[in-house]
Amino acid sequence: MAEKLELVKRLKSRNPVIFSFVTIFVCCISFGQPQAADLAEARATFNRGDYQECIKLTRAEVATGIWNDVWSRQLIQALLATGEYAEACAAYEQVAERFSKSI
């Protein structure tokens, strides 16, 4: 562990700009993976007909202020599948404001 820490210190001191870019890149990769798994889980719940669980998963993600429309689309599909048309319409109107070109 001490060797790894020493390596990180040396890399940071030699070129702090490259070190910063690499750190950001690694963080983006590591944080991006769980989201992909969660989206796969939400889609799987929808595909097996567990619409309420899909709604729960997608609503939680949409509430975080996600940066793309994939979660909102999945939420709208699940709401429509359960007959919650007014909520689906409200979800569409909310996401259309942010992603008018893709939704």
PDB file of N, CA and C in Angstrom:
ATOM      1  N   MET A   1       0.824  -1.188   0.000  1.00  0.00           N
ATOM      2  CA  MET A   1       0.000   0.000   0.000  1.00  0.00           C
ATOM      3  C   MET A   1       0.868   1.252   0.000  1.00  0.00           C
ATOM      4  N   ALA A   2       1.930   1.225   0.768  1.00  0.00           N
ATOM      5  CA  ALA A   2       2.836   2.374   0.842  1.00  0.00           C
ATOM      6  C   ALA A   2       3.496   2.626  -0.507  1.00  0.00           C
ATOM      7  N   GLU A   3       3.781   1.540  -1.242  1.00  0.00           N
ATOM      8  CA  GLU A   3       4.389   1.687  -2.571  1.00  0.00           C
ATOM      9  C   GLU A   3       3.425   2.389  -3.528  1.00  0.00           C
ATOM     10  N   LYS A   4       2.155   2.033  -3.478  1.00  0.00           N
ATOM     11  CA  LYS A   4       1.152   2.657  -4.348  1.00  0.00           C
ATOM     12  C   LYS A   4       1.000   4.133  -4.019  1.00  0.00           C
ATOM     13  N   LEU A   5       0.984   4.437  -2.739  1.00  0.00           N
ATOM     14  CA  LEU A   5       0.866   5.822  -2.311  1.00  0.00           C
ATOM     15  C   LEU A   5       2.056   6.647  -2.781  1.00  0.00           C
ATOM     16  N   GLU A   6       3.232   6.064  -2.691  1.00  0.00           N
ATOM     17  CA  GLU A   6       4.446   6.747  -3.143  1.00  0.00           C
ATOM     18  C   GLU A   6       4.398   6.971  -4.659  1.00  0.00           C
ATOM     19  N   LEU A   7       3.921   5.994  -5.403  1.00  0.00           N
ATOM     20  CA  LEU A   7       3.795   6.131  -6.856  1.00  0.00           C
ATOM     21  C   LEU A   7       2.832   7.263  -7.201  1.00  0.00           C
ATOM     22  N   VAL A   8       1.709   7.334  -6.522  1.00  0.00           N
ATOM     23  CA  VAL A   8       0.731   8.392  -6.766  1.00  0.00           C
ATOM     24  C   VAL A   8       1.352   9.760  -6.480  1.00  0.00           C
ATOM     25  N   LYS A   9       2.101   9.867  -5.395  1.00  0.00           N
ATOM     26  CA  LYS A   9       2.747  11.138  -5.049  1.00  0.00           C
ATOM     27  C   LYS A   9       3.748  11.554  -6.123  1.00  0.00           C
ATOM     28  N   ARG A  10       4.519  10.580  -6.618  1.00  0.00           N
ATOM     29  CA  ARG A  10       5.504  10.902  -7.665  1.00  0.00           C
ATOM     30  C   ARG A  10       4.818  11.352  -8.954  1.00  0.00           C
ATOM     31  N   LEU A  11       3.768  10.646  -9.351  1.00  0.00           N
ATOM     32  CA  LEU A  11       3.048  11.023 -10.569  1.00  0.00           C
ATOM     33  C   LEU A  11       2.437  12.416 -10.445  1.00  0.00           C
ATOM     34  N   LYS A  12       1.871  12.696  -9.296  1.00  0.00           N
ATOM     35  CA  LYS A  12       1.245  13.989  -9.069  1.00  0.00           C
ATOM     36  C   LYS A  12       2.273  15.119  -9.107  1.00  0.00           C
ATOM     37  N   SER A  13       3.435  14.890  -8.553  1.00  0.00           N
ATOM     38  CA  SER A  13       4.453  15.944  -8.517  1.00  0.00           C
ATOM     39  C   SER A  13       5.122  16.158  -9.871  1.00  0.00           C
ATOM     40  N   ARG A  14       5.205  15.133 -10.707  1.00  0.00           N
ATOM     41  CA  ARG A  14       5.863  15.273 -12.016  1.00  0.00           C
ATOM     42  C   ARG A  14       5.024  16.069 -12.997  1.00  0.00           C
ATOM     43  N   ASN A  15       3.745  15.767 -13.067  1.00  0.00           N
ATOM     44  CA  ASN A  15       2.881  16.475 -14.010  1.00  0.00           C
ATOM     45  C   ASN A  15       1.469  16.555 -13.436  1.00  0.00           C
ATOM     46  N   PRO A  16       1.196  17.581 -12.686  1.00  0.00           N
ATOM     47  CA  PRO A  16      -0.107  17.677 -12.018  1.00  0.00           C
ATOM     48  C   PRO A  16      -1.292  17.768 -12.984  1.00  0.00           C
ATOM     49  N   VAL A  17      -1.089  18.338 -14.160  1.00  0.00           N
ATOM     50  CA  VAL A  17      -2.191  18.462 -15.123  1.00  0.00           C
ATOM     51  C   VAL A  17      -2.602  17.083 -15.633  1.00  0.00           C
ATOM     52  N   ILE A  18      -1.638  16.293 -16.044  1.00  0.00           N
ATOM     53  CA  ILE A  18      -1.946  14.941 -16.529  1.00  0.00           C
ATOM     54  C   ILE A  18      -2.530  14.108 -15.396  1.00  0.00           C
ATOM     55  N   PHE A  19      -1.981  14.248 -14.214  1.00  0.00           N
ATOM     56  CA  PHE A  19      -2.501  13.519 -13.060  1.00  0.00           C
ATOM     57  C   PHE A  19      -3.972  13.869 -12.831  1.00  0.00           C
ATOM     58  N   SER A  20      -4.318  15.137 -12.959  1.00  0.00           N
ATOM     59  CA  SER A  20      -5.705  15.567 -12.760  1.00  0.00           C
ATOM     60  C   SER A  20      -6.635  14.966 -13.812  1.00  0.00           C
ATOM     61  N   PHE A  21      -6.193  14.975 -15.075  1.00  0.00           N
ATOM     62  CA  PHE A  21      -7.014  14.400 -16.140  1.00  0.00           C
ATOM     63  C   PHE A  21      -7.218  12.907 -15.930  1.00  0.00           C
ATOM     64  N   VAL A  22      -6.159  12.212 -15.573  1.00  0.00           N
ATOM     65  CA  VAL A  22      -6.261  10.772 -15.335  1.00  0.00           C
ATOM     66  C   VAL A  22      -7.198  10.493 -14.160  1.00  0.00           C
ATOM     67  N   THR A  23      -7.094  11.269 -13.111  1.00  0.00           N
ATOM     68  CA  THR A  23      -7.962  11.095 -11.942  1.00  0.00           C
ATOM     69  C   THR A  23      -9.423  11.286 -12.325  1.00  0.00           C
ATOM     70  N   ILE A  24      -9.712  12.336 -13.069  1.00  0.00           N
ATOM     71  CA  ILE A  24     -11.089  12.593 -13.504  1.00  0.00           C
ATOM     72  C   ILE A  24     -11.586  11.468 -14.403  1.00  0.00           C
ATOM     73  N   PHE A  25     -10.747  11.018 -15.325  1.00  0.00           N
ATOM     74  CA  PHE A  25     -11.120   9.931 -16.230  1.00  0.00           C
ATOM     75  C   PHE A  25     -11.454   8.660 -15.452  1.00  0.00           C
ATOM     76  N   VAL A  26     -10.621   8.304 -14.499  1.00  0.00           N
ATOM     77  CA  VAL A  26     -10.854   7.098 -13.698  1.00  0.00           C
ATOM     78  C   VAL A  26     -12.144   7.232 -12.893  1.00  0.00           C
ATOM     79  N   CYS A  27     -12.387   8.399 -12.344  1.00  0.00           N
ATOM     80  CA  CYS A  27     -13.626   8.613 -11.593  1.00  0.00           C
ATOM     81  C   CYS A  27     -14.848   8.471 -12.492  1.00  0.00           C
ATOM     82  N   CYS A  28     -14.779   9.023 -13.686  1.00  0.00           N
ATOM     83  CA  CYS A  28     -15.907   8.922 -14.616  1.00  0.00           C
ATOM     84  C   CYS A  28     -16.188   7.470 -14.982  1.00  0.00           C
ATOM     85  N   ILE A  29     -15.144   6.723 -15.213  1.00  0.00           N
ATOM     86  CA  ILE A  29     -15.325   5.311 -15.565  1.00  0.00           C
ATOM     87  C   ILE A  29     -15.917   4.548 -14.398  1.00  0.00           C
ATOM     88  N   SER A  30     -15.381   4.755 -13.221  1.00  0.00           N
ATOM     89  CA  SER A  30     -15.858   3.987 -12.066  1.00  0.00           C
ATOM     90  C   SER A  30     -17.275   4.376 -11.672  1.00  0.00           C
ATOM     91  N   PHE A  31     -17.654   5.646 -11.802  1.00  0.00           N
ATOM     92  CA  PHE A  31     -19.006   6.051 -11.463  1.00  0.00           C
ATOM     93  C   PHE A  31     -19.986   5.687 -12.565  1.00  0.00           C
ATOM     94  N   GLY A  32     -19.535   5.569 -13.793  1.00  0.00           N
ATOM     95  CA  GLY A  32     -20.424   5.243 -14.902  1.00  0.00           C
ATOM     96  C   GLY A  32     -20.901   3.803 -14.901  1.00  0.00           C
ATOM     97  N   GLN A  33     -20.112   2.890 -14.416  1.00  0.00           N
ATOM     98  CA  GLN A  33     -20.472   1.488 -14.469  1.00  0.00           C
ATOM     99  C   GLN A  33     -21.704   1.125 -13.638  1.00  0.00           C
ATOM    100  N   PRO A  34     -21.800   1.556 -12.391  1.00  0.00           N
ATOM    101  CA  PRO A  34     -22.993   1.193 -11.635  1.00  0.00           C
ATOM    102  C   PRO A  34     -24.275   1.703 -12.263  1.00  0.00           C
ATOM    103  N   GLN A  35     -24.229   2.873 -12.885  1.00  0.00           N
ATOM    104  CA  GLN A  35     -25.426   3.401 -13.518  1.00  0.00           C
ATOM    105  C   GLN A  35     -25.877   2.484 -14.649  1.00  0.00           C
ATOM    106  N   ALA A  36     -24.928   1.991 -15.445  1.00  0.00           N
ATOM    107  CA  ALA A  36     -25.283   1.091 -16.533  1.00  0.00           C
ATOM    108  C   ALA A  36     -25.930  -0.174 -15.988  1.00  0.00           C
ATOM    109  N   ALA A  37     -25.403  -0.686 -14.883  1.00  0.00           N
ATOM    110  CA  ALA A  37     -25.986  -1.880 -14.275  1.00  0.00           C
ATOM    111  C   ALA A  37     -27.386  -1.585 -13.761  1.00  0.00           C
ATOM    112  N   ASP A  38     -27.595  -0.422 -13.171  1.00  0.00           N
ATOM    113  CA  ASP A  38     -28.904  -0.055 -12.668  1.00  0.00           C
ATOM    114  C   ASP A  38     -29.912   0.124 -13.797  1.00  0.00           C
ATOM    115  N   LEU A  39     -29.469   0.679 -14.914  1.00  0.00           N
ATOM    116  CA  LEU A  39     -30.356   0.832 -16.060  1.00  0.00           C
ATOM    117  C   LEU A  39     -30.737  -0.543 -16.602  1.00  0.00           C
ATOM    118  N   ALA A  40     -29.782  -1.442 -16.650  1.00  0.00           N
ATOM    119  CA  ALA A  40     -30.077  -2.803 -17.096  1.00  0.00           C
ATOM    120  C   ALA A  40     -31.090  -3.459 -16.153  1.00  0.00           C
ATOM    121  N   GLU A  41     -30.952  -3.197 -14.871  1.00  0.00           N
ATOM    122  CA  GLU A  41     -31.896  -3.737 -13.896  1.00  0.00           C
ATOM    123  C   GLU A  41     -33.287  -3.148 -14.100  1.00  0.00           C
ATOM    124  N   ALA A  42     -33.357  -1.845 -14.329  1.00  0.00           N
ATOM    125  CA  ALA A  42     -34.654  -1.202 -14.569  1.00  0.00           C
ATOM    126  C   ALA A  42     -35.311  -1.761 -15.825  1.00  0.00           C
ATOM    127  N   ARG A  43     -34.530  -1.948 -16.853  1.00  0.00           N
ATOM    128  CA  ARG A  43     -35.086  -2.521 -18.094  1.00  0.00           C
ATOM    129  C   ARG A  43     -35.546  -3.953 -17.883  1.00  0.00           C
ATOM    130  N   ALA A  44     -34.776  -4.706 -17.108  1.00  0.00           N
ATOM    131  CA  ALA A  44     -35.156  -6.097 -16.835  1.00  0.00           C
ATOM    132  C   ALA A  44     -36.463  -6.167 -16.053  1.00  0.00           C
ATOM    133  N   THR A  45     -36.640  -5.265 -15.086  1.00  0.00           N
ATOM    134  CA  THR A  45     -37.896  -5.262 -14.329  1.00  0.00           C
ATOM    135  C   THR A  45     -39.074  -4.930 -15.245  1.00  0.00           C
ATOM    136  N   PHE A  46     -38.862  -4.012 -16.163  1.00  0.00           N
ATOM    137  CA  PHE A  46     -39.924  -3.676 -17.117  1.00  0.00           C
ATOM    138  C   PHE A  46     -40.234  -4.877 -18.012  1.00  0.00           C
ATOM    139  N   ASN A  47     -39.193  -5.506 -18.529  1.00  0.00           N
ATOM    140  CA  ASN A  47     -39.376  -6.633 -19.458  1.00  0.00           C
ATOM    141  C   ASN A  47     -40.059  -7.829 -18.814  1.00  0.00           C
ATOM    142  N   ARG A  48     -39.883  -8.019 -17.524  1.00  0.00           N
ATOM    143  CA  ARG A  48     -40.564  -9.135 -16.868  1.00  0.00           C
ATOM    144  C   ARG A  48     -41.939  -8.738 -16.307  1.00  0.00           C
ATOM    145  N   GLY A  49     -42.346  -7.493 -16.558  1.00  0.00           N
ATOM    146  CA  GLY A  49     -43.679  -7.053 -16.166  1.00  0.00           C
ATOM    147  C   GLY A  49     -43.771  -6.497 -14.763  1.00  0.00           C
ATOM    148  N   ASP A  50     -42.654  -6.278 -14.119  1.00  0.00           N
ATOM    149  CA  ASP A  50     -42.660  -5.694 -12.774  1.00  0.00           C
ATOM    150  C   ASP A  50     -42.580  -4.175 -12.910  1.00  0.00           C
ATOM    151  N   TYR A  51     -43.672  -3.602 -13.392  1.00  0.00           N
ATOM    152  CA  TYR A  51     -43.697  -2.185 -13.736  1.00  0.00           C
ATOM    153  C   TYR A  51     -43.532  -1.274 -12.523  1.00  0.00           C
ATOM    154  N   GLN A  52     -44.113  -1.666 -11.391  1.00  0.00           N
ATOM    155  CA  GLN A  52     -43.998  -0.828 -10.195  1.00  0.00           C
ATOM    156  C   GLN A  52     -42.538  -0.714  -9.738  1.00  0.00           C
ATOM    157  N   GLU A  53     -41.796  -1.808  -9.806  1.00  0.00           N
ATOM    158  CA  GLU A  53     -40.379  -1.757  -9.438  1.00  0.00           C
ATOM    159  C   GLU A  53     -39.598  -0.919 -10.441  1.00  0.00           C
ATOM    160  N   CYS A  54     -39.952  -1.036 -11.703  1.00  0.00           N
ATOM    161  CA  CYS A  54     -39.312  -0.224 -12.743  1.00  0.00           C
ATOM    162  C   CYS A  54     -39.570   1.256 -12.488  1.00  0.00           C
ATOM    163  N   ILE A  55     -40.796   1.591 -12.144  1.00  0.00           N
ATOM    164  CA  ILE A  55     -41.148   2.980 -11.842  1.00  0.00           C
ATOM    165  C   ILE A  55     -40.339   3.476 -10.649  1.00  0.00           C
ATOM    166  N   LYS A  56     -40.242   2.656  -9.630  1.00  0.00           N
ATOM    167  CA  LYS A  56     -39.480   3.032  -8.434  1.00  0.00           C
ATOM    168  C   LYS A  56     -38.012   3.308  -8.791  1.00  0.00           C
ATOM    169  N   LEU A  57     -37.397   2.416  -9.555  1.00  0.00           N
ATOM    170  CA  LEU A  57     -35.991   2.582  -9.931  1.00  0.00           C
ATOM    171  C   LEU A  57     -35.779   3.812 -10.809  1.00  0.00           C
ATOM    172  N   THR A  58     -36.630   3.979 -11.794  1.00  0.00           N
ATOM    173  CA  THR A  58     -36.433   5.080 -12.730  1.00  0.00           C
ATOM    174  C   THR A  58     -36.764   6.429 -12.099  1.00  0.00           C
ATOM    175  N   ARG A  59     -37.790   6.482 -11.268  1.00  0.00           N
ATOM    176  CA  ARG A  59     -38.110   7.746 -10.581  1.00  0.00           C
ATOM    177  C   ARG A  59     -36.945   8.207  -9.713  1.00  0.00           C
ATOM    178  N   ALA A  60     -36.333   7.268  -9.013  1.00  0.00           N
ATOM    179  CA  ALA A  60     -35.203   7.618  -8.149  1.00  0.00           C
ATOM    180  C   ALA A  60     -34.056   8.198  -8.971  1.00  0.00           C
ATOM    181  N   GLU A  61     -33.810   7.636 -10.132  1.00  0.00           N
ATOM    182  CA  GLU A  61     -32.710   8.119 -10.967  1.00  0.00           C
ATOM    183  C   GLU A  61     -33.060   9.461 -11.608  1.00  0.00           C
ATOM    184  N   VAL A  62     -34.281   9.617 -12.080  1.00  0.00           N
ATOM    185  CA  VAL A  62     -34.712  10.878 -12.681  1.00  0.00           C
ATOM    186  C   VAL A  62     -34.639  12.000 -11.648  1.00  0.00           C
ATOM    187  N   ALA A  63     -34.966  11.686 -10.403  1.00  0.00           N
ATOM    188  CA  ALA A  63     -34.949  12.693  -9.336  1.00  0.00           C
ATOM    189  C   ALA A  63     -33.540  13.220  -9.059  1.00  0.00           C
ATOM    190  N   THR A  64     -32.521  12.466  -9.440  1.00  0.00           N
ATOM    191  CA  THR A  64     -31.143  12.925  -9.214  1.00  0.00           C
ATOM    192  C   THR A  64     -30.699  13.954 -10.236  1.00  0.00           C
ATOM    193  N   GLY A  65     -31.506  14.181 -11.267  1.00  0.00           N
ATOM    194  CA  GLY A  65     -31.141  15.162 -12.288  1.00  0.00           C
ATOM    195  C   GLY A  65     -30.196  14.588 -13.322  1.00  0.00           C
ATOM    196  N   ILE A  66     -30.489  13.403 -13.786  1.00  0.00           N
ATOM    197  CA  ILE A  66     -29.647  12.711 -14.755  1.00  0.00           C
ATOM    198  C   ILE A  66     -29.351  13.576 -15.969  1.00  0.00           C
ATOM    199  N   TRP A  67     -28.305  13.239 -16.708  1.00  0.00           N
ATOM    200  CA  TRP A  67     -27.835  14.061 -17.818  1.00  0.00           C
ATOM    201  C   TRP A  67     -28.317  13.574 -19.173  1.00  0.00           C
ATOM    202  N   ASN A  68     -29.098  12.491 -19.221  1.00  0.00           N
ATOM    203  CA  ASN A  68     -29.642  12.030 -20.498  1.00  0.00           C
ATOM    204  C   ASN A  68     -31.100  11.633 -20.325  1.00  0.00           C
ATOM    205  N   ASP A  69     -31.759  11.307 -21.424  1.00  0.00           N
ATOM    206  CA  ASP A  69     -33.200  11.042 -21.366  1.00  0.00           C
ATOM    207  C   ASP A  69     -33.560   9.564 -21.260  1.00  0.00           C
ATOM    208  N   VAL A  70     -32.592   8.690 -21.175  1.00  0.00           N
ATOM    209  CA  VAL A  70     -32.857   7.248 -21.174  1.00  0.00           C
ATOM    210  C   VAL A  70     -33.718   6.839 -19.979  1.00  0.00           C
ATOM    211  N   TRP A  71     -33.375   7.337 -18.804  1.00  0.00           N
ATOM    212  CA  TRP A  71     -34.143   6.987 -17.609  1.00  0.00           C
ATOM    213  C   TRP A  71     -35.571   7.508 -17.699  1.00  0.00           C
ATOM    214  N   SER A  72     -35.722   8.716 -18.209  1.00  0.00           N
ATOM    215  CA  SER A  72     -37.063   9.292 -18.335  1.00  0.00           C
ATOM    216  C   SER A  72     -37.910   8.504 -19.322  1.00  0.00           C
ATOM    217  N   ARG A  73     -37.302   8.083 -20.407  1.00  0.00           N
ATOM    218  CA  ARG A  73     -38.047   7.266 -21.381  1.00  0.00           C
ATOM    219  C   ARG A  73     -38.538   5.972 -20.741  1.00  0.00           C
ATOM    220  N   GLN A  74     -37.665   5.336 -19.969  1.00  0.00           N
ATOM    221  CA  GLN A  74     -38.047   4.090 -19.311  1.00  0.00           C
ATOM    222  C   GLN A  74     -39.162   4.334 -18.312  1.00  0.00           C
ATOM    223  N   LEU A  75     -39.084   5.432 -17.577  1.00  0.00           N
ATOM    224  CA  LEU A  75     -40.134   5.789 -16.623  1.00  0.00           C
ATOM    225  C   LEU A  75     -41.460   5.987 -17.339  1.00  0.00           C
ATOM    226  N   ILE A  76     -41.448   6.721 -18.427  1.00  0.00           N
ATOM    227  CA  ILE A  76     -42.679   6.981 -19.178  1.00  0.00           C
ATOM    228  C   ILE A  76     -43.280   5.678 -19.692  1.00  0.00           C
ATOM    229  N   GLN A  77     -42.449   4.783 -20.204  1.00  0.00           N
ATOM    230  CA  GLN A  77     -42.953   3.487 -20.688  1.00  0.00           C
ATOM    231  C   GLN A  77     -43.624   2.699 -19.568  1.00  0.00           C
ATOM    232  N   ALA A  78     -42.998   2.675 -18.398  1.00  0.00           N
ATOM    233  CA  ALA A  78     -43.567   1.931 -17.271  1.00  0.00           C
ATOM    234  C   ALA A  78     -44.868   2.565 -16.799  1.00  0.00           C
ATOM    235  N   LEU A  79     -44.911   3.890 -16.763  1.00  0.00           N
ATOM    236  CA  LEU A  79     -46.144   4.571 -16.355  1.00  0.00           C
ATOM    237  C   LEU A  79     -47.276   4.271 -17.336  1.00  0.00           C
ATOM    238  N   LEU A  80     -46.963   4.279 -18.621  1.00  0.00           N
ATOM    239  CA  LEU A  80     -47.980   3.959 -19.623  1.00  0.00           C
ATOM    240  C   LEU A  80     -48.455   2.513 -19.483  1.00  0.00           C
ATOM    241  N   ALA A  81     -47.530   1.614 -19.203  1.00  0.00           N
ATOM    242  CA  ALA A  81     -47.879   0.196 -19.070  1.00  0.00           C
ATOM    243  C   ALA A  81     -48.797  -0.056 -17.878  1.00  0.00           C
ATOM    244  N   THR A  82     -48.723   0.792 -16.873  1.00  0.00           N
ATOM    245  CA  THR A  82     -49.585   0.633 -15.692  1.00  0.00           C
ATOM    246  C   THR A  82     -50.860   1.465 -15.790  1.00  0.00           C
ATOM    247  N   GLY A  83     -51.042   2.176 -16.876  1.00  0.00           N
ATOM    248  CA  GLY A  83     -52.246   2.978 -17.059  1.00  0.00           C
ATOM    249  C   GLY A  83     -52.191   4.325 -16.370  1.00  0.00           C
ATOM    250  N   GLU A  84     -51.038   4.718 -15.916  1.00  0.00           N
ATOM    251  CA  GLU A  84     -50.892   6.011 -15.237  1.00  0.00           C
ATOM    252  C   GLU A  84     -50.579   7.087 -16.288  1.00  0.00           C
ATOM    253  N   TYR A  85     -51.576   7.363 -17.121  1.00  0.00           N
ATOM    254  CA  TYR A  85     -51.390   8.235 -18.267  1.00  0.00           C
ATOM    255  C   TYR A  85     -51.107   9.686 -17.885  1.00  0.00           C
ATOM    256  N   ALA A  86     -51.778  10.183 -16.869  1.00  0.00           N
ATOM    257  CA  ALA A  86     -51.553  11.572 -16.448  1.00  0.00           C
ATOM    258  C   ALA A  86     -50.121  11.749 -15.940  1.00  0.00           C
ATOM    259  N   GLU A  87     -49.643  10.781 -15.163  1.00  0.00           N
ATOM    260  CA  GLU A  87     -48.268  10.859 -14.666  1.00  0.00           C
ATOM    261  C   GLU A  87     -47.260  10.709 -15.799  1.00  0.00           C
ATOM    262  N   ALA A  88     -47.568   9.843 -16.761  1.00  0.00           N
ATOM    263  CA  ALA A  88     -46.689   9.671 -17.916  1.00  0.00           C
ATOM    264  C   ALA A  88     -46.605  10.968 -18.712  1.00  0.00           C
ATOM    265  N   CYS A  89     -47.736  11.636 -18.862  1.00  0.00           N
ATOM    266  CA  CYS A  89     -47.771  12.911 -19.576  1.00  0.00           C
ATOM    267  C   CYS A  89     -46.962  13.961 -18.819  1.00  0.00           C
ATOM    268  N   ALA A  90     -47.108  13.995 -17.510  1.00  0.00           N
ATOM    269  CA  ALA A  90     -46.347  14.958 -16.700  1.00  0.00           C
ATOM    270  C   ALA A  90     -44.850  14.679 -16.788  1.00  0.00           C
ATOM    271  N   ALA A  91     -44.479  13.404 -16.759  1.00  0.00           N
ATOM    272  CA  ALA A  91     -43.067  13.034 -16.873  1.00  0.00           C
ATOM    273  C   ALA A  91     -42.527  13.430 -18.243  1.00  0.00           C
ATOM    274  N   TYR A  92     -43.348  13.223 -19.281  1.00  0.00           N
ATOM    275  CA  TYR A  92     -42.933  13.615 -20.633  1.00  0.00           C
ATOM    276  C   TYR A  92     -42.721  15.123 -20.726  1.00  0.00           C
ATOM    277  N   GLU A  93     -43.664  15.880 -20.199  1.00  0.00           N
ATOM    278  CA  GLU A  93     -43.549  17.344 -20.270  1.00  0.00           C
ATOM    279  C   GLU A  93     -42.312  17.848 -19.525  1.00  0.00           C
ATOM    280  N   GLN A  94     -42.013  17.213 -18.397  1.00  0.00           N
ATOM    281  CA  GLN A  94     -40.828  17.605 -17.628  1.00  0.00           C
ATOM    282  C   GLN A  94     -39.542  17.311 -18.404  1.00  0.00           C
ATOM    283  N   VAL A  95     -39.470  16.126 -19.000  1.00  0.00           N
ATOM    284  CA  VAL A  95     -38.234  15.772 -19.713  1.00  0.00           C
ATOM    285  C   VAL A  95     -38.145  16.478 -21.054  1.00  0.00           C
ATOM    286  N   ALA A  96     -39.268  16.809 -21.653  1.00  0.00           N
ATOM    287  CA  ALA A  96     -39.243  17.497 -22.949  1.00  0.00           C
ATOM    288  C   ALA A  96     -38.630  18.882 -22.829  1.00  0.00           C
ATOM    289  N   GLU A  97     -38.770  19.491 -21.662  1.00  0.00           N
ATOM    290  CA  GLU A  97     -38.148  20.798 -21.447  1.00  0.00           C
ATOM    291  C   GLU A  97     -36.625  20.700 -21.495  1.00  0.00           C
ATOM    292  N   ARG A  98     -36.085  19.617 -20.965  1.00  0.00           N
ATOM    293  CA  ARG A  98     -34.627  19.459 -20.907  1.00  0.00           C
ATOM    294  C   ARG A  98     -34.053  18.826 -22.162  1.00  0.00           C
ATOM    295  N   PHE A  99     -34.802  17.887 -22.768  1.00  0.00           N
ATOM    296  CA  PHE A  99     -34.273  17.111 -23.894  1.00  0.00           C
ATOM    297  C   PHE A  99     -35.199  17.201 -25.097  1.00  0.00           C
ATOM    298  N   SER A 100     -35.538  18.417 -25.503  1.00  0.00           N
ATOM    299  CA  SER A 100     -36.544  18.613 -26.550  1.00  0.00           C
ATOM    300  C   SER A 100     -36.134  18.011 -27.886  1.00  0.00           C
ATOM    301  N   LYS A 101     -34.859  17.879 -28.143  1.00  0.00           N
ATOM    302  CA  LYS A 101     -34.411  17.351 -29.439  1.00  0.00           C
ATOM    303  C   LYS A 101     -34.422  15.835 -29.501  1.00  0.00           C
ATOM    304  N   SER A 102     -34.407  15.142 -28.356  1.00  0.00           N
ATOM    305  CA  SER A 102     -34.272  13.700 -28.396  1.00  0.00           C
ATOM    306  C   SER A 102     -35.494  12.937 -27.894  1.00  0.00           C
ATOM    307  N   ILE A 103     -36.410  13.579 -27.256  1.00  0.00           N
ATOM    308  CA  ILE A 103     -37.538  12.842 -26.687  1.00  0.00           C
ATOM    309  C   ILE A 103     -38.779  12.927 -27.554  1.00  0.00           C
TER     310      ILE A 103
END
